[in-house]
Amino acid sequence: MELEDLDSEERIALLALLQRVVAADGRVSDDERDEIAELVDAFGEDGYRKAFDEASQRFGTTEQLRAFLTKVGRPEARELIMGVLLEAAIPGVVEGHETDFIAWLSDVWGIETHFEDQPDD
């Protein structure tokens, strides 16, 4: 599966996750700019903007975002979204609450992830 294959709800999920986890520090690194450019190329400028705006406005609370993310059903979309999220998050420091959020998502989506400072279960 490629980024272009994500449906509109999956695109919103990806961008909401990136906003919540990666852009939480308020700074955009060069790696994050590259990731955004890839998404714009994949979704088209209008498609990216529409999904970005929807992701920005739709989830006022973490609980709302979590409820939405549980509805992303296609396993291949979940894996792609998680891969993009981790690739974008790894160059920066992923803080404790962000690590917890990614760990929660991994459990819900059934995708194994592991951070260096996270103890093995």
PDB file of N, CA and C in Angstrom:
ATOM      1  N   MET A   1       0.845  -1.178   0.000  1.00  0.00           N
ATOM      2  CA  MET A   1       0.000   0.000   0.000  1.00  0.00           C
ATOM      3  C   MET A   1       0.889   1.239   0.000  1.00  0.00           C
ATOM      4  N   GLU A   2       0.458   2.235  -0.732  1.00  0.00           N
ATOM      5  CA  GLU A   2       1.174   3.503  -0.835  1.00  0.00           C
ATOM      6  C   GLU A   2       0.329   4.620  -0.232  1.00  0.00           C
ATOM      7  N   LEU A   3       0.942   5.748   0.047  1.00  0.00           N
ATOM      8  CA  LEU A   3       0.214   6.883   0.610  1.00  0.00           C
ATOM      9  C   LEU A   3      -0.995   7.271  -0.238  1.00  0.00           C
ATOM     10  N   GLU A   4      -0.839   7.190  -1.539  1.00  0.00           N
ATOM     11  CA  GLU A   4      -1.927   7.552  -2.451  1.00  0.00           C
ATOM     12  C   GLU A   4      -3.159   6.679  -2.255  1.00  0.00           C
ATOM     13  N   ASP A   5      -2.960   5.474  -1.709  1.00  0.00           N
ATOM     14  CA  ASP A   5      -4.050   4.519  -1.539  1.00  0.00           C
ATOM     15  C   ASP A   5      -4.886   4.757  -0.289  1.00  0.00           C
ATOM     16  N   LEU A   6      -4.437   5.643   0.596  1.00  0.00           N
ATOM     17  CA  LEU A   6      -5.205   5.931   1.801  1.00  0.00           C
ATOM     18  C   LEU A   6      -6.498   6.654   1.434  1.00  0.00           C
ATOM     19  N   ASP A   7      -7.603   6.236   2.062  1.00  0.00           N
ATOM     20  CA  ASP A   7      -8.862   6.943   1.812  1.00  0.00           C
ATOM     21  C   ASP A   7      -8.892   8.227   2.648  1.00  0.00           C
ATOM     22  N   SER A   8      -9.936   9.020   2.493  1.00  0.00           N
ATOM     23  CA  SER A   8      -9.973  10.327   3.148  1.00  0.00           C
ATOM     24  C   SER A   8      -9.908  10.229   4.670  1.00  0.00           C
ATOM     25  N   GLU A   9     -10.587   9.255   5.261  1.00  0.00           N
ATOM     26  CA  GLU A   9     -10.557   9.096   6.717  1.00  0.00           C
ATOM     27  C   GLU A   9      -9.163   8.667   7.193  1.00  0.00           C
ATOM     28  N   GLU A  10      -8.511   7.823   6.441  1.00  0.00           N
ATOM     29  CA  GLU A  10      -7.153   7.379   6.790  1.00  0.00           C
ATOM     30  C   GLU A  10      -6.160   8.534   6.669  1.00  0.00           C
ATOM     31  N   ARG A  11      -6.366   9.381   5.682  1.00  0.00           N
ATOM     32  CA  ARG A  11      -5.510  10.565   5.532  1.00  0.00           C
ATOM     33  C   ARG A  11      -5.688  11.510   6.717  1.00  0.00           C
ATOM     34  N   ILE A  12      -6.931  11.682   7.138  1.00  0.00           N
ATOM     35  CA  ILE A  12      -7.210  12.521   8.303  1.00  0.00           C
ATOM     36  C   ILE A  12      -6.543  11.920   9.533  1.00  0.00           C
ATOM     37  N   ALA A  13      -6.626  10.605   9.692  1.00  0.00           N
ATOM     38  CA  ALA A  13      -5.991   9.934  10.830  1.00  0.00           C
ATOM     39  C   ALA A  13      -4.485  10.187  10.815  1.00  0.00           C
ATOM     40  N   LEU A  14      -3.857  10.025   9.672  1.00  0.00           N
ATOM     41  CA  LEU A  14      -2.414  10.236   9.567  1.00  0.00           C
ATOM     42  C   LEU A  14      -2.036  11.665   9.934  1.00  0.00           C
ATOM     43  N   LEU A  15      -2.731  12.628   9.374  1.00  0.00           N
ATOM     44  CA  LEU A  15      -2.387  14.024   9.637  1.00  0.00           C
ATOM     45  C   LEU A  15      -2.698  14.421  11.075  1.00  0.00           C
ATOM     46  N   ALA A  16      -3.763  13.891  11.642  1.00  0.00           N
ATOM     47  CA  ALA A  16      -4.069  14.168  13.053  1.00  0.00           C
ATOM     48  C   ALA A  16      -2.969  13.608  13.955  1.00  0.00           C
ATOM     49  N   LEU A  17      -2.501  12.416  13.634  1.00  0.00           N
ATOM     50  CA  LEU A  17      -1.419  11.815  14.408  1.00  0.00           C
ATOM     51  C   LEU A  17      -0.133  12.626  14.288  1.00  0.00           C
ATOM     52  N   LEU A  18       0.190  13.040  13.094  1.00  0.00           N
ATOM     53  CA  LEU A  18       1.394  13.841  12.902  1.00  0.00           C
ATOM     54  C   LEU A  18       1.295  15.158  13.665  1.00  0.00           C
ATOM     55  N   GLN A  19       0.118  15.773  13.635  1.00  0.00           N
ATOM     56  CA  GLN A  19      -0.075  17.014  14.382  1.00  0.00           C
ATOM     57  C   GLN A  19       0.059  16.777  15.882  1.00  0.00           C
ATOM     58  N   ARG A  20      -0.479  15.687  16.361  1.00  0.00           N
ATOM     59  CA  ARG A  20      -0.489  15.407  17.803  1.00  0.00           C
ATOM     60  C   ARG A  20       0.889  14.996  18.319  1.00  0.00           C
ATOM     61  N   VAL A  21       1.574  14.145  17.583  1.00  0.00           N
ATOM     62  CA  VAL A  21       2.805  13.552  18.093  1.00  0.00           C
ATOM     63  C   VAL A  21       4.057  14.280  17.605  1.00  0.00           C
ATOM     64  N   VAL A  22       4.130  14.552  16.331  1.00  0.00           N
ATOM     65  CA  VAL A  22       5.360  15.098  15.760  1.00  0.00           C
ATOM     66  C   VAL A  22       5.430  16.614  15.897  1.00  0.00           C
ATOM     67  N   ALA A  23       4.354  17.289  15.583  1.00  0.00           N
ATOM     68  CA  ALA A  23       4.371  18.749  15.591  1.00  0.00           C
ATOM     69  C   ALA A  23       4.016  19.329  16.957  1.00  0.00           C
ATOM     70  N   ALA A  24       3.936  18.493  17.969  1.00  0.00           N
ATOM     71  CA  ALA A  24       3.543  18.942  19.303  1.00  0.00           C
ATOM     72  C   ALA A  24       4.503  19.978  19.884  1.00  0.00           C
ATOM     73  N   ASP A  25       5.761  19.930  19.457  1.00  0.00           N
ATOM     74  CA  ASP A  25       6.740  20.873  20.004  1.00  0.00           C
ATOM     75  C   ASP A  25       6.667  22.249  19.350  1.00  0.00           C
ATOM     76  N   GLY A  26       5.821  22.400  18.328  1.00  0.00           N
ATOM     77  CA  GLY A  26       5.649  23.698  17.683  1.00  0.00           C
ATOM     78  C   GLY A  26       6.721  24.065  16.687  1.00  0.00           C
ATOM     79  N   ARG A  27       7.698  23.174  16.487  1.00  0.00           N
ATOM     80  CA  ARG A  27       8.774  23.419  15.525  1.00  0.00           C
ATOM     81  C   ARG A  27       8.680  22.399  14.407  1.00  0.00           C
ATOM     82  N   VAL A  28       9.047  22.808  13.218  1.00  0.00           N
ATOM     83  CA  VAL A  28       9.062  21.896  12.077  1.00  0.00           C
ATOM     84  C   VAL A  28      10.504  21.748  11.613  1.00  0.00           C
ATOM     85  N   SER A  29      11.043  20.539  11.750  1.00  0.00           N
ATOM     86  CA  SER A  29      12.424  20.272  11.354  1.00  0.00           C
ATOM     87  C   SER A  29      12.506  20.073   9.842  1.00  0.00           C
ATOM     88  N   ASP A  30      13.716  20.013   9.333  1.00  0.00           N
ATOM     89  CA  ASP A  30      13.901  19.747   7.909  1.00  0.00           C
ATOM     90  C   ASP A  30      13.336  18.378   7.533  1.00  0.00           C
ATOM     91  N   ASP A  31      13.530  17.378   8.400  1.00  0.00           N
ATOM     92  CA  ASP A  31      12.980  16.045   8.143  1.00  0.00           C
ATOM     93  C   ASP A  31      11.458  16.087   8.095  1.00  0.00           C
ATOM     94  N   GLU A  32      10.846  16.848   8.986  1.00  0.00           N
ATOM     95  CA  GLU A  32       9.389  16.975   9.000  1.00  0.00           C
ATOM     96  C   GLU A  32       8.893  17.699   7.756  1.00  0.00           C
ATOM     97  N   ARG A  33       9.658  18.700   7.302  1.00  0.00           N
ATOM     98  CA  ARG A  33       9.290  19.389   6.059  1.00  0.00           C
ATOM     99  C   ARG A  33       9.313  18.416   4.882  1.00  0.00           C
ATOM    100  N   ASP A  34      10.328  17.554   4.861  1.00  0.00           N
ATOM    101  CA  ASP A  34      10.425  16.549   3.795  1.00  0.00           C
ATOM    102  C   ASP A  34       9.235  15.594   3.844  1.00  0.00           C
ATOM    103  N   GLU A  35       8.849  15.206   5.050  1.00  0.00           N
ATOM    104  CA  GLU A  35       7.706  14.306   5.224  1.00  0.00           C
ATOM    105  C   GLU A  35       6.420  14.972   4.734  1.00  0.00           C
ATOM    106  N   ILE A  36       6.253  16.243   5.055  1.00  0.00           N
ATOM    107  CA  ILE A  36       5.073  16.989   4.604  1.00  0.00           C
ATOM    108  C   ILE A  36       5.061  17.075   3.085  1.00  0.00           C
ATOM    109  N   ALA A  37       6.214  17.349   2.489  1.00  0.00           N
ATOM    110  CA  ALA A  37       6.299  17.430   1.026  1.00  0.00           C
ATOM    111  C   ALA A  37       5.896  16.103   0.381  1.00  0.00           C
ATOM    112  N   GLU A  38       6.310  14.994   0.997  1.00  0.00           N
ATOM    113  CA  GLU A  38       5.919  13.672   0.491  1.00  0.00           C
ATOM    114  C   GLU A  38       4.409  13.487   0.539  1.00  0.00           C
ATOM    115  N   LEU A  39       3.796  13.920   1.623  1.00  0.00           N
ATOM    116  CA  LEU A  39       2.352  13.795   1.767  1.00  0.00           C
ATOM    117  C   LEU A  39       1.615  14.677   0.767  1.00  0.00           C
ATOM    118  N   VAL A  40       2.113  15.887   0.548  1.00  0.00           N
ATOM    119  CA  VAL A  40       1.504  16.780  -0.438  1.00  0.00           C
ATOM    120  C   VAL A  40       1.594  16.153  -1.826  1.00  0.00           C
ATOM    121  N   ASP A  41       2.745  15.571  -2.146  1.00  0.00           N
ATOM    122  CA  ASP A  41       2.897  14.898  -3.438  1.00  0.00           C
ATOM    123  C   ASP A  41       1.911  13.736  -3.572  1.00  0.00           C
ATOM    124  N   ALA A  42       1.741  12.977  -2.507  1.00  0.00           N
ATOM    125  CA  ALA A  42       0.881  11.794  -2.551  1.00  0.00           C
ATOM    126  C   ALA A  42      -0.601  12.151  -2.603  1.00  0.00           C
ATOM    127  N   PHE A  43      -1.008  13.153  -1.815  1.00  0.00           N
ATOM    128  CA  PHE A  43      -2.434  13.491  -1.696  1.00  0.00           C
ATOM    129  C   PHE A  43      -2.865  14.589  -2.654  1.00  0.00           C
ATOM    130  N   GLY A  44      -1.898  15.288  -3.252  1.00  0.00           N
ATOM    131  CA  GLY A  44      -2.199  16.486  -4.025  1.00  0.00           C
ATOM    132  C   GLY A  44      -2.344  17.646  -3.058  1.00  0.00           C
ATOM    133  N   GLU A  45      -2.066  18.835  -3.531  1.00  0.00           N
ATOM    134  CA  GLU A  45      -2.103  19.988  -2.638  1.00  0.00           C
ATOM    135  C   GLU A  45      -3.476  20.198  -2.021  1.00  0.00           C
ATOM    136  N   ASP A  46      -4.536  20.108  -2.837  1.00  0.00           N
ATOM    137  CA  ASP A  46      -5.887  20.289  -2.314  1.00  0.00           C
ATOM    138  C   ASP A  46      -6.275  19.164  -1.364  1.00  0.00           C
ATOM    139  N   GLY A  47      -5.921  17.929  -1.715  1.00  0.00           N
ATOM    140  CA  GLY A  47      -6.228  16.788  -0.859  1.00  0.00           C
ATOM    141  C   GLY A  47      -5.521  16.874   0.478  1.00  0.00           C
ATOM    142  N   TYR A  48      -4.267  17.311   0.437  1.00  0.00           N
ATOM    143  CA  TYR A  48      -3.506  17.472   1.679  1.00  0.00           C
ATOM    144  C   TYR A  48      -4.145  18.554   2.535  1.00  0.00           C
ATOM    145  N   ARG A  49      -4.424  19.699   1.956  1.00  0.00           N
ATOM    146  CA  ARG A  49      -4.987  20.834   2.708  1.00  0.00           C
ATOM    147  C   ARG A  49      -6.329  20.449   3.324  1.00  0.00           C
ATOM    148  N   LYS A  50      -7.168  19.768   2.552  1.00  0.00           N
ATOM    149  CA  LYS A  50      -8.488  19.365   3.061  1.00  0.00           C
ATOM    150  C   LYS A  50      -8.334  18.414   4.262  1.00  0.00           C
ATOM    151  N   ALA A  51      -7.479  17.411   4.134  1.00  0.00           N
ATOM    152  CA  ALA A  51      -7.267  16.455   5.222  1.00  0.00           C
ATOM    153  C   ALA A  51      -6.615  17.134   6.422  1.00  0.00           C
ATOM    154  N   PHE A  52      -5.658  18.030   6.164  1.00  0.00           N
ATOM    155  CA  PHE A  52      -4.986  18.757   7.245  1.00  0.00           C
ATOM    156  C   PHE A  52      -5.984  19.612   8.019  1.00  0.00           C
ATOM    157  N   ASP A  53      -6.807  20.356   7.289  1.00  0.00           N
ATOM    158  CA  ASP A  53      -7.794  21.217   7.945  1.00  0.00           C
ATOM    159  C   ASP A  53      -8.786  20.391   8.758  1.00  0.00           C
ATOM    160  N   GLU A  54      -9.251  19.296   8.198  1.00  0.00           N
ATOM    161  CA  GLU A  54     -10.182  18.421   8.909  1.00  0.00           C
ATOM    162  C   GLU A  54      -9.532  17.859  10.173  1.00  0.00           C
ATOM    163  N   ALA A  55      -8.290  17.412  10.059  1.00  0.00           N
ATOM    164  CA  ALA A  55      -7.574  16.871  11.212  1.00  0.00           C
ATOM    165  C   ALA A  55      -7.357  17.942  12.275  1.00  0.00           C
ATOM    166  N   SER A  56      -7.135  19.174  11.860  1.00  0.00           N
ATOM    167  CA  SER A  56      -6.894  20.276  12.792  1.00  0.00           C
ATOM    168  C   SER A  56      -8.151  20.658  13.572  1.00  0.00           C
ATOM    169  N   GLN A  57      -9.297  20.559  12.923  1.00  0.00           N
ATOM    170  CA  GLN A  57     -10.539  21.052  13.508  1.00  0.00           C
ATOM    171  C   GLN A  57     -11.374  19.971  14.194  1.00  0.00           C
ATOM    172  N   ARG A  58     -11.191  18.742  13.826  1.00  0.00           N
ATOM    173  CA  ARG A  58     -12.121  17.683  14.217  1.00  0.00           C
ATOM    174  C   ARG A  58     -11.902  17.129  15.623  1.00  0.00           C
ATOM    175  N   PHE A  59     -10.693  17.164  16.129  1.00  0.00           N
ATOM    176  CA  PHE A  59     -10.378  16.479  17.380  1.00  0.00           C
ATOM    177  C   PHE A  59      -9.928  17.467  18.449  1.00  0.00           C
ATOM    178  N   GLY A  60     -10.883  17.906  19.254  1.00  0.00           N
ATOM    179  CA  GLY A  60     -10.567  18.840  20.317  1.00  0.00           C
ATOM    180  C   GLY A  60      -9.903  18.185  21.508  1.00  0.00           C
ATOM    181  N   THR A  61     -10.144  16.893  21.667  1.00  0.00           N
ATOM    182  CA  THR A  61      -9.571  16.185  22.812  1.00  0.00           C
ATOM    183  C   THR A  61      -8.865  14.913  22.343  1.00  0.00           C
ATOM    184  N   THR A  62      -7.997  14.430  23.190  1.00  0.00           N
ATOM    185  CA  THR A  62      -7.311  13.171  22.910  1.00  0.00           C
ATOM    186  C   THR A  62      -8.327  12.031  22.811  1.00  0.00           C
ATOM    187  N   GLU A  63      -9.351  12.075  23.646  1.00  0.00           N
ATOM    188  CA  GLU A  63     -10.375  11.025  23.630  1.00  0.00           C
ATOM    189  C   GLU A  63     -11.103  10.978  22.282  1.00  0.00           C
ATOM    190  N   GLN A  64     -11.386  12.141  21.710  1.00  0.00           N
ATOM    191  CA  GLN A  64     -12.033  12.184  20.392  1.00  0.00           C
ATOM    192  C   GLN A  64     -11.123  11.570  19.328  1.00  0.00           C
ATOM    193  N   LEU A  65      -9.841  11.904  19.388  1.00  0.00           N
ATOM    194  CA  LEU A  65      -8.894  11.346  18.427  1.00  0.00           C
ATOM    195  C   LEU A  65      -8.771   9.840  18.610  1.00  0.00           C
ATOM    196  N   ARG A  66      -8.666   9.392  19.839  1.00  0.00           N
ATOM    197  CA  ARG A  66      -8.564   7.947  20.096  1.00  0.00           C
ATOM    198  C   ARG A  66      -9.785   7.206  19.572  1.00  0.00           C
ATOM    199  N   ALA A  67     -10.971   7.747  19.814  1.00  0.00           N
ATOM    200  CA  ALA A  67     -12.202   7.099  19.332  1.00  0.00           C
ATOM    201  C   ALA A  67     -12.179   6.998  17.806  1.00  0.00           C
ATOM    202  N   PHE A  68     -11.721   8.050  17.137  1.00  0.00           N
ATOM    203  CA  PHE A  68     -11.638   8.048  15.679  1.00  0.00           C
ATOM    204  C   PHE A  68     -10.623   7.005  15.186  1.00  0.00           C
ATOM    205  N   LEU A  69      -9.470   6.959  15.837  1.00  0.00           N
ATOM    206  CA  LEU A  69      -8.405   6.052  15.400  1.00  0.00           C
ATOM    207  C   LEU A  69      -8.804   4.585  15.525  1.00  0.00           C
ATOM    208  N   THR A  70      -9.663   4.268  16.474  1.00  0.00           N
ATOM    209  CA  THR A  70     -10.103   2.867  16.612  1.00  0.00           C
ATOM    210  C   THR A  70     -10.914   2.419  15.407  1.00  0.00           C
ATOM    211  N   LYS A  71     -11.418   3.374  14.630  1.00  0.00           N
ATOM    212  CA  LYS A  71     -12.251   3.046  13.465  1.00  0.00           C
ATOM    213  C   LYS A  71     -11.449   2.858  12.172  1.00  0.00           C
ATOM    214  N   VAL A  72     -10.149   3.135  12.222  1.00  0.00           N
ATOM    215  CA  VAL A  72      -9.308   2.871  11.045  1.00  0.00           C
ATOM    216  C   VAL A  72      -9.161   1.363  10.968  1.00  0.00           C
ATOM    217  N   GLY A  73      -9.801   0.763   9.966  1.00  0.00           N
ATOM    218  CA  GLY A  73      -9.925  -0.685   9.961  1.00  0.00           C
ATOM    219  C   GLY A  73      -8.961  -1.465   9.093  1.00  0.00           C
ATOM    220  N   ARG A  74      -8.506  -0.883   7.994  1.00  0.00           N
ATOM    221  CA  ARG A  74      -7.656  -1.663   7.088  1.00  0.00           C
ATOM    222  C   ARG A  74      -6.266  -1.852   7.691  1.00  0.00           C
ATOM    223  N   PRO A  75      -5.877  -3.111   7.926  1.00  0.00           N
ATOM    224  CA  PRO A  75      -4.565  -3.363   8.530  1.00  0.00           C
ATOM    225  C   PRO A  75      -3.412  -2.755   7.743  1.00  0.00           C
ATOM    226  N   GLU A  76      -3.472  -2.806   6.423  1.00  0.00           N
ATOM    227  CA  GLU A  76      -2.382  -2.253   5.624  1.00  0.00           C
ATOM    228  C   GLU A  76      -2.316  -0.734   5.761  1.00  0.00           C
ATOM    229  N   ALA A  77      -3.465  -0.084   5.931  1.00  0.00           N
ATOM    230  CA  ALA A  77      -3.477   1.365   6.154  1.00  0.00           C
ATOM    231  C   ALA A  77      -2.906   1.677   7.537  1.00  0.00           C
ATOM    232  N   ARG A  78      -3.286   0.883   8.529  1.00  0.00           N
ATOM    233  CA  ARG A  78      -2.752   1.073   9.877  1.00  0.00           C
ATOM    234  C   ARG A  78      -1.227   0.965   9.879  1.00  0.00           C
ATOM    235  N   GLU A  79      -0.705  -0.037   9.201  1.00  0.00           N
ATOM    236  CA  GLU A  79       0.746  -0.238   9.156  1.00  0.00           C
ATOM    237  C   GLU A  79       1.445   0.922   8.455  1.00  0.00           C
ATOM    238  N   LEU A  80       0.876   1.377   7.356  1.00  0.00           N
ATOM    239  CA  LEU A  80       1.469   2.497   6.627  1.00  0.00           C
ATOM    240  C   LEU A  80       1.447   3.765   7.481  1.00  0.00           C
ATOM    241  N   ILE A  81       0.309   4.048   8.090  1.00  0.00           N
ATOM    242  CA  ILE A  81       0.186   5.234   8.942  1.00  0.00           C
ATOM    243  C   ILE A  81       1.183   5.167  10.098  1.00  0.00           C
ATOM    244  N   MET A  82       1.270   4.020  10.756  1.00  0.00           N
ATOM    245  CA  MET A  82       2.197   3.871  11.872  1.00  0.00           C
ATOM    246  C   MET A  82       3.640   4.042  11.401  1.00  0.00           C
ATOM    247  N   GLY A  83       3.970   3.499  10.239  1.00  0.00           N
ATOM    248  CA  GLY A  83       5.318   3.635   9.701  1.00  0.00           C
ATOM    249  C   GLY A  83       5.677   5.081   9.436  1.00  0.00           C
ATOM    250  N   VAL A  84       4.759   5.824   8.837  1.00  0.00           N
ATOM    251  CA  VAL A  84       5.005   7.246   8.569  1.00  0.00           C
ATOM    252  C   VAL A  84       5.136   8.005   9.883  1.00  0.00           C
ATOM    253  N   LEU A  85       4.273   7.709  10.825  1.00  0.00           N
ATOM    254  CA  LEU A  85       4.317   8.377  12.127  1.00  0.00           C
ATOM    255  C   LEU A  85       5.651   8.141  12.823  1.00  0.00           C
ATOM    256  N   LEU A  86       6.082   6.905  12.863  1.00  0.00           N
ATOM    257  CA  LEU A  86       7.344   6.585  13.529  1.00  0.00           C
ATOM    258  C   LEU A  86       8.534   7.183  12.791  1.00  0.00           C
ATOM    259  N   GLU A  87       8.502   7.134  11.471  1.00  0.00           N
ATOM    260  CA  GLU A  87       9.591   7.714  10.685  1.00  0.00           C
ATOM    261  C   GLU A  87       9.704   9.214  10.933  1.00  0.00           C
ATOM    262  N   ALA A  88       8.568   9.877  11.049  1.00  0.00           N
ATOM    263  CA  ALA A  88       8.575  11.314  11.295  1.00  0.00           C
ATOM    264  C   ALA A  88       8.945  11.633  12.738  1.00  0.00           C
ATOM    265  N   ALA A  89       8.574  10.769  13.671  1.00  0.00           N
ATOM    266  CA  ALA A  89       8.796  11.039  15.094  1.00  0.00           C
ATOM    267  C   ALA A  89      10.208  10.716  15.548  1.00  0.00           C
ATOM    268  N   ILE A  90      10.818   9.714  14.969  1.00  0.00           N
ATOM    269  CA  ILE A  90      12.109   9.230  15.451  1.00  0.00           C
ATOM    270  C   ILE A  90      13.222  10.278  15.390  1.00  0.00           C
ATOM    271  N   PRO A  91      13.362  11.088  14.309  1.00  0.00           N
ATOM    272  CA  PRO A  91      14.467  12.051  14.294  1.00  0.00           C
ATOM    273  C   PRO A  91      14.422  13.042  15.457  1.00  0.00           C
ATOM    274  N   GLY A  92      13.223  13.387  15.932  1.00  0.00           N
ATOM    275  CA  GLY A  92      13.099  14.267  17.085  1.00  0.00           C
ATOM    276  C   GLY A  92      12.968  13.416  18.335  1.00  0.00           C
ATOM    277  N   VAL A  93      12.945  14.084  19.438  1.00  0.00           N
ATOM    278  CA  VAL A  93      12.774  13.363  20.692  1.00  0.00           C
ATOM    279  C   VAL A  93      11.285  13.144  20.906  1.00  0.00           C
ATOM    280  N   VAL A  94      10.892  11.893  21.112  1.00  0.00           N
ATOM    281  CA  VAL A  94       9.501  11.585  21.402  1.00  0.00           C
ATOM    282  C   VAL A  94       9.362  11.620  22.912  1.00  0.00           C
ATOM    283  N   GLU A  95       8.556  12.548  23.393  1.00  0.00           N
ATOM    284  CA  GLU A  95       8.394  12.758  24.829  1.00  0.00           C
ATOM    285  C   GLU A  95       7.531  11.657  25.442  1.00  0.00           C
ATOM    286  N   GLY A  96       7.507  11.591  26.764  1.00  0.00           N
ATOM    287  CA  GLY A  96       6.803  10.538  27.488  1.00  0.00           C
ATOM    288  C   GLY A  96       5.350  10.381  27.113  1.00  0.00           C
ATOM    289  N   HIS A  97       4.574  11.493  27.093  1.00  0.00           N
ATOM    290  CA  HIS A  97       3.162  11.376  26.756  1.00  0.00           C
ATOM    291  C   HIS A  97       2.966  10.978  25.295  1.00  0.00           C
ATOM    292  N   GLU A  98       3.894  11.383  24.420  1.00  0.00           N
ATOM    293  CA  GLU A  98       3.826  10.989  23.016  1.00  0.00           C
ATOM    294  C   GLU A  98       4.140   9.504  22.869  1.00  0.00           C
ATOM    295  N   THR A  99       5.122   9.026  23.627  1.00  0.00           N
ATOM    296  CA  THR A  99       5.452   7.604  23.624  1.00  0.00           C
ATOM    297  C   THR A  99       4.262   6.799  24.106  1.00  0.00           C
ATOM    298  N   ASP A 100       3.609   7.272  25.164  1.00  0.00           N
ATOM    299  CA  ASP A 100       2.418   6.594  25.679  1.00  0.00           C
ATOM    300  C   ASP A 100       1.316   6.540  24.627  1.00  0.00           C
ATOM    301  N   PHE A 101       1.132   7.644  23.897  1.00  0.00           N
ATOM    302  CA  PHE A 101       0.089   7.690  22.872  1.00  0.00           C
ATOM    303  C   PHE A 101       0.404   6.695  21.752  1.00  0.00           C
ATOM    304  N   ILE A 102       1.655   6.661  21.311  1.00  0.00           N
ATOM    305  CA  ILE A 102       2.054   5.713  20.260  1.00  0.00           C
ATOM    306  C   ILE A 102       1.911   4.281  20.760  1.00  0.00           C
ATOM    307  N   ALA A 103       2.267   4.037  22.007  1.00  0.00           N
ATOM    308  CA  ALA A 103       2.116   2.694  22.581  1.00  0.00           C
ATOM    309  C   ALA A 103       0.642   2.297  22.625  1.00  0.00           C
ATOM    310  N   TRP A 104      -0.228   3.214  23.011  1.00  0.00           N
ATOM    311  CA  TRP A 104      -1.672   2.941  23.017  1.00  0.00           C
ATOM    312  C   TRP A 104      -2.142   2.576  21.603  1.00  0.00           C
ATOM    313  N   LEU A 105      -1.734   3.380  20.634  1.00  0.00           N
ATOM    314  CA  LEU A 105      -2.146   3.137  19.248  1.00  0.00           C
ATOM    315  C   LEU A 105      -1.623   1.790  18.760  1.00  0.00           C
ATOM    316  N   SER A 106      -0.411   1.464  19.098  1.00  0.00           N
ATOM    317  CA  SER A 106       0.170   0.168  18.713  1.00  0.00           C
ATOM    318  C   SER A 106      -0.674  -0.981  19.253  1.00  0.00           C
ATOM    319  N   ASP A 107      -1.088  -0.853  20.504  1.00  0.00           N
ATOM    320  CA  ASP A 107      -1.933  -1.894  21.105  1.00  0.00           C
ATOM    321  C   ASP A 107      -3.278  -1.997  20.402  1.00  0.00           C
ATOM    322  N   VAL A 108      -3.917  -0.868  20.178  1.00  0.00           N
ATOM    323  CA  VAL A 108      -5.242  -0.848  19.559  1.00  0.00           C
ATOM    324  C   VAL A 108      -5.189  -1.389  18.131  1.00  0.00           C
ATOM    325  N   TRP A 109      -4.150  -1.018  17.412  1.00  0.00           N
ATOM    326  CA  TRP A 109      -4.032  -1.439  16.016  1.00  0.00           C
ATOM    327  C   TRP A 109      -3.324  -2.776  15.852  1.00  0.00           C
ATOM    328  N   GLY A 110      -2.780  -3.320  16.934  1.00  0.00           N
ATOM    329  CA  GLY A 110      -2.095  -4.608  16.848  1.00  0.00           C
ATOM    330  C   GLY A 110      -0.788  -4.557  16.080  1.00  0.00           C
ATOM    331  N   ILE A 111      -0.065  -3.453  16.239  1.00  0.00           N
ATOM    332  CA  ILE A 111       1.224  -3.267  15.568  1.00  0.00           C
ATOM    333  C   ILE A 111       2.290  -3.135  16.646  1.00  0.00           C
ATOM    334  N   GLU A 112       3.293  -3.976  16.598  1.00  0.00           N
ATOM    335  CA  GLU A 112       4.336  -3.952  17.612  1.00  0.00           C
ATOM    336  C   GLU A 112       5.331  -2.837  17.332  1.00  0.00           C
ATOM    337  N   THR A 113       5.553  -2.002  18.346  1.00  0.00           N
ATOM    338  CA  THR A 113       6.584  -0.962  18.285  1.00  0.00           C
ATOM    339  C   THR A 113       7.371  -1.033  19.585  1.00  0.00           C
ATOM    340  N   HIS A 114       8.581  -0.494  19.548  1.00  0.00           N
ATOM    341  CA  HIS A 114       9.402  -0.490  20.750  1.00  0.00           C
ATOM    342  C   HIS A 114      10.326   0.715  20.715  1.00  0.00           C
ATOM    343  N   PHE A 115      10.361   1.443  21.825  1.00  0.00           N
ATOM    344  CA  PHE A 115      11.264   2.572  21.963  1.00  0.00           C
ATOM    345  C   PHE A 115      12.416   2.131  22.839  1.00  0.00           C
ATOM    346  N   GLU A 116      13.588   2.686  22.592  1.00  0.00           N
ATOM    347  CA  GLU A 116      14.804   2.322  23.326  1.00  0.00           C
ATOM    348  C   GLU A 116      14.619   2.445  24.838  1.00  0.00           C
ATOM    349  N   ASP A 117      13.962   3.521  25.291  1.00  0.00           N
ATOM    350  CA  ASP A 117      13.831   3.732  26.730  1.00  0.00           C
ATOM    351  C   ASP A 117      12.578   3.099  27.319  1.00  0.00           C
ATOM    352  N   GLN A 118      11.858   2.350  26.509  1.00  0.00           N
ATOM    353  CA  GLN A 118      10.639   1.682  26.971  1.00  0.00           C
ATOM    354  C   GLN A 118      10.979   0.261  27.384  1.00  0.00           C
ATOM    355  N   PRO A 119      10.644  -0.127  28.612  1.00  0.00           N
ATOM    356  CA  PRO A 119      10.971  -1.496  29.037  1.00  0.00           C
ATOM    357  C   PRO A 119      10.169  -2.526  28.264  1.00  0.00           C
ATOM    358  N   ASP A 120      10.780  -3.695  28.080  1.00  0.00           N
ATOM    359  CA  ASP A 120      10.069  -4.801  27.436  1.00  0.00           C
ATOM    360  C   ASP A 120       8.987  -5.280  28.379  1.00  0.00           C
ATOM    361  N   ASP A 121       7.857  -5.678  27.806  1.00  0.00           N
ATOM    362  CA  ASP A 121       6.753  -6.216  28.630  1.00  0.00           C
ATOM    363  C   ASP A 121       6.967  -7.675  28.912  1.00  0.00           C
TER     364      ASP A 121
END
